[in-house]
Amino acid sequence: MKQLITVESSMIHAVGYESKTQVLEVVFNSGRTYCYEGVPRKVYKELLAAESKGRYMRDAIIDVYPDYPLSRGRRRS
């Protein structure tokens, strides 16, 4: 199960990561949640360490890894 970590960002509210499946879960400040598949743990750690998490998402994750929206009812925690 992914444990969500709240982050300081104007774009992102929280992130979670499942190392077994390499799925990154991102809760955006808009309220939408997306899962990104095949994300290496290193990329997740770099996201958490990034000074601008939104910029890192745009540069290294969005349109790089396959993603799908997660509806509110589907989240497993």
N, C-alpha and C. Protein backbone atom coordinates (compact mmCIF):
# COMPACT_ATOMS: atom_id res chain seq x y z
N MET A 1 0.83 -1.19 0.00
CA MET A 1 0.00 0.00 0.00
C MET A 1 0.87 1.25 0.00
N LYS A 2 0.42 2.22 -0.77
CA LYS A 2 1.15 3.47 -0.86
C LYS A 2 0.82 4.36 0.32
N GLN A 3 1.84 4.86 0.97
CA GLN A 3 1.67 5.86 2.02
C GLN A 3 1.88 7.22 1.36
N LEU A 4 0.86 8.06 1.38
CA LEU A 4 1.00 9.37 0.75
C LEU A 4 1.76 10.32 1.67
N ILE A 5 2.64 11.08 1.06
CA ILE A 5 3.44 12.08 1.77
C ILE A 5 3.02 13.45 1.26
N THR A 6 2.57 14.31 2.15
CA THR A 6 2.22 15.67 1.76
C THR A 6 3.49 16.45 1.46
N VAL A 7 3.47 17.20 0.35
CA VAL A 7 4.64 17.96 -0.05
C VAL A 7 4.29 19.44 -0.20
N GLU A 8 5.31 20.27 -0.13
CA GLU A 8 5.12 21.71 -0.35
C GLU A 8 5.31 21.99 -1.82
N SER A 9 4.22 22.34 -2.49
CA SER A 9 4.28 22.60 -3.92
C SER A 9 3.01 23.35 -4.33
N SER A 10 3.14 24.24 -5.30
CA SER A 10 1.96 24.93 -5.81
C SER A 10 1.18 24.05 -6.78
N MET A 11 1.77 22.93 -7.18
CA MET A 11 1.15 22.03 -8.15
C MET A 11 0.68 20.71 -7.53
N ILE A 12 1.43 20.21 -6.55
CA ILE A 12 1.20 18.86 -6.01
C ILE A 12 0.85 18.93 -4.53
N HIS A 13 -0.17 18.16 -4.14
CA HIS A 13 -0.55 18.09 -2.73
C HIS A 13 0.21 16.96 -2.01
N ALA A 14 0.25 15.77 -2.64
CA ALA A 14 0.87 14.62 -1.99
C ALA A 14 1.34 13.61 -3.03
N VAL A 15 2.31 12.79 -2.63
CA VAL A 15 2.81 11.72 -3.50
C VAL A 15 2.95 10.43 -2.71
N GLY A 16 2.83 9.33 -3.42
CA GLY A 16 3.03 8.01 -2.81
C GLY A 16 3.73 7.13 -3.82
N TYR A 17 4.41 6.10 -3.33
CA TYR A 17 5.17 5.23 -4.23
C TYR A 17 5.10 3.80 -3.75
N GLU A 18 4.87 2.90 -4.69
CA GLU A 18 4.86 1.46 -4.41
C GLU A 18 6.05 0.85 -5.14
N SER A 19 7.08 0.47 -4.36
CA SER A 19 8.32 0.01 -5.00
C SER A 19 8.16 -1.33 -5.73
N LYS A 20 7.30 -2.20 -5.25
CA LYS A 20 7.12 -3.51 -5.93
C LYS A 20 6.60 -3.34 -7.35
N THR A 21 5.66 -2.43 -7.54
CA THR A 21 5.04 -2.23 -8.85
C THR A 21 5.62 -1.04 -9.59
N GLN A 22 6.46 -0.25 -8.93
CA GLN A 22 7.04 0.98 -9.48
C GLN A 22 5.95 1.95 -9.94
N VAL A 23 4.91 2.08 -9.12
CA VAL A 23 3.82 3.01 -9.42
C VAL A 23 3.94 4.23 -8.50
N LEU A 24 3.99 5.40 -9.13
CA LEU A 24 4.02 6.67 -8.42
C LEU A 24 2.61 7.25 -8.45
N GLU A 25 2.07 7.56 -7.29
CA GLU A 25 0.75 8.17 -7.20
C GLU A 25 0.93 9.63 -6.82
N VAL A 26 0.29 10.51 -7.59
CA VAL A 26 0.43 11.95 -7.37
C VAL A 26 -0.96 12.57 -7.21
N VAL A 27 -1.17 13.24 -6.08
CA VAL A 27 -2.40 13.98 -5.85
C VAL A 27 -2.09 15.45 -6.13
N PHE A 28 -2.70 15.97 -7.17
CA PHE A 28 -2.47 17.36 -7.55
C PHE A 28 -3.36 18.29 -6.73
N ASN A 29 -2.95 19.54 -6.62
CA ASN A 29 -3.73 20.52 -5.87
C ASN A 29 -5.10 20.75 -6.50
N SER A 30 -5.27 20.38 -7.75
CA SER A 30 -6.56 20.50 -8.43
C SER A 30 -7.56 19.48 -7.89
N GLY A 31 -7.04 18.49 -7.13
CA GLY A 31 -7.89 17.43 -6.61
C GLY A 31 -7.80 16.15 -7.43
N ARG A 32 -7.21 16.24 -8.60
CA ARG A 32 -7.06 15.04 -9.44
C ARG A 32 -5.88 14.20 -8.96
N THR A 33 -6.02 12.89 -9.11
CA THR A 33 -4.96 11.95 -8.73
C THR A 33 -4.58 11.14 -9.96
N TYR A 34 -3.29 11.04 -10.20
CA TYR A 34 -2.78 10.24 -11.32
C TYR A 34 -1.75 9.24 -10.81
N CYS A 35 -1.70 8.10 -11.47
CA CYS A 35 -0.68 7.09 -11.21
C CYS A 35 0.22 7.01 -12.44
N TYR A 36 1.52 6.94 -12.18
CA TYR A 36 2.53 6.84 -13.24
C TYR A 36 3.21 5.49 -13.08
N GLU A 37 3.27 4.72 -14.17
CA GLU A 37 3.78 3.36 -14.12
C GLU A 37 5.24 3.26 -14.55
N GLY A 38 5.96 2.33 -13.93
CA GLY A 38 7.34 2.06 -14.31
C GLY A 38 8.32 3.12 -13.85
N VAL A 39 7.96 3.83 -12.79
CA VAL A 39 8.82 4.90 -12.28
C VAL A 39 9.87 4.31 -11.33
N PRO A 40 11.16 4.46 -11.64
CA PRO A 40 12.20 3.94 -10.74
C PRO A 40 12.17 4.66 -9.38
N ARG A 41 12.55 3.95 -8.34
CA ARG A 41 12.59 4.54 -7.00
C ARG A 41 13.46 5.80 -6.97
N LYS A 42 14.54 5.80 -7.75
CA LYS A 42 15.45 6.96 -7.83
C LYS A 42 14.68 8.22 -8.26
N VAL A 43 13.78 8.08 -9.24
CA VAL A 43 13.00 9.22 -9.73
C VAL A 43 12.04 9.71 -8.65
N TYR A 44 11.43 8.78 -7.92
CA TYR A 44 10.56 9.15 -6.79
C TYR A 44 11.34 9.95 -5.75
N LYS A 45 12.53 9.46 -5.39
CA LYS A 45 13.36 10.15 -4.40
C LYS A 45 13.79 11.53 -4.91
N GLU A 46 14.12 11.62 -6.20
CA GLU A 46 14.51 12.91 -6.78
C GLU A 46 13.32 13.89 -6.76
N LEU A 47 12.12 13.39 -6.99
CA LEU A 47 10.93 14.24 -6.90
C LEU A 47 10.78 14.80 -5.50
N LEU A 48 10.92 13.95 -4.49
CA LEU A 48 10.79 14.41 -3.11
C LEU A 48 11.85 15.44 -2.76
N ALA A 49 13.05 15.31 -3.34
CA ALA A 49 14.16 16.19 -3.02
C ALA A 49 14.18 17.47 -3.87
N ALA A 50 13.39 17.50 -4.93
CA ALA A 50 13.43 18.63 -5.86
C ALA A 50 12.98 19.92 -5.19
N GLU A 51 13.69 20.98 -5.52
CA GLU A 51 13.32 22.30 -4.99
C GLU A 51 11.96 22.71 -5.54
N SER A 52 11.73 22.45 -6.85
CA SER A 52 10.44 22.70 -7.47
C SER A 52 9.86 21.36 -7.92
N LYS A 53 8.93 20.84 -7.14
CA LYS A 53 8.35 19.54 -7.46
C LYS A 53 7.52 19.59 -8.75
N GLY A 54 6.85 20.72 -8.97
CA GLY A 54 6.08 20.88 -10.20
C GLY A 54 6.97 20.85 -11.43
N ARG A 55 8.08 21.55 -11.37
CA ARG A 55 9.02 21.57 -12.50
C ARG A 55 9.59 20.17 -12.72
N TYR A 56 9.94 19.48 -11.63
CA TYR A 56 10.48 18.12 -11.78
C TYR A 56 9.43 17.20 -12.41
N MET A 57 8.17 17.33 -11.97
CA MET A 57 7.09 16.52 -12.57
C MET A 57 7.02 16.76 -14.07
N ARG A 58 7.04 18.05 -14.47
CA ARG A 58 6.92 18.38 -15.90
C ARG A 58 8.13 17.90 -16.69
N ASP A 59 9.33 18.02 -16.10
CA ASP A 59 10.56 17.67 -16.82
C ASP A 59 10.85 16.18 -16.87
N ALA A 60 10.53 15.46 -15.79
CA ALA A 60 11.02 14.08 -15.66
C ALA A 60 9.95 13.00 -15.57
N ILE A 61 8.68 13.38 -15.38
CA ILE A 61 7.66 12.36 -15.14
C ILE A 61 6.49 12.46 -16.11
N ILE A 62 5.86 13.65 -16.18
CA ILE A 62 4.70 13.82 -17.08
C ILE A 62 5.15 13.65 -18.53
N ASP A 63 4.42 12.86 -19.27
CA ASP A 63 4.72 12.53 -20.68
C ASP A 63 5.98 11.69 -20.85
N VAL A 64 6.56 11.20 -19.74
CA VAL A 64 7.71 10.30 -19.80
C VAL A 64 7.26 8.88 -19.45
N TYR A 65 6.44 8.77 -18.40
CA TYR A 65 5.95 7.47 -17.94
C TYR A 65 4.46 7.35 -18.24
N PRO A 66 4.00 6.13 -18.57
CA PRO A 66 2.56 5.94 -18.81
C PRO A 66 1.78 6.30 -17.55
N ASP A 67 0.65 6.97 -17.74
CA ASP A 67 -0.14 7.38 -16.58
C ASP A 67 -1.62 7.08 -16.80
N TYR A 68 -2.34 7.07 -15.70
CA TYR A 68 -3.79 6.93 -15.76
C TYR A 68 -4.38 7.66 -14.56
N PRO A 69 -5.58 8.24 -14.76
CA PRO A 69 -6.22 8.93 -13.64
C PRO A 69 -6.76 7.92 -12.64
N LEU A 70 -6.73 8.28 -11.39
CA LEU A 70 -7.25 7.42 -10.33
C LEU A 70 -8.50 8.10 -9.80
N SER A 71 -9.63 7.42 -9.93
CA SER A 71 -10.86 8.02 -9.42
C SER A 71 -10.88 7.89 -7.91
N ARG A 72 -11.61 8.75 -7.26
CA ARG A 72 -11.61 8.78 -5.80
C ARG A 72 -11.97 7.44 -5.18
N GLY A 73 -12.87 6.72 -5.82
CA GLY A 73 -13.31 5.44 -5.27
C GLY A 73 -12.32 4.30 -5.43
N ARG A 74 -11.34 4.47 -6.33
CA ARG A 74 -10.41 3.37 -6.63
C ARG A 74 -9.19 3.35 -5.74
N ARG A 75 -8.92 4.41 -5.04
CA ARG A 75 -7.67 4.46 -4.27
C ARG A 75 -7.66 3.41 -3.17
N ARG A 76 -6.56 2.67 -3.12
CA ARG A 76 -6.39 1.65 -2.08
C ARG A 76 -5.38 2.14 -1.07
N SER A 77 -5.82 2.34 0.15
CA SER A 77 -4.85 2.78 1.16
C SER A 77 -5.09 2.11 2.48
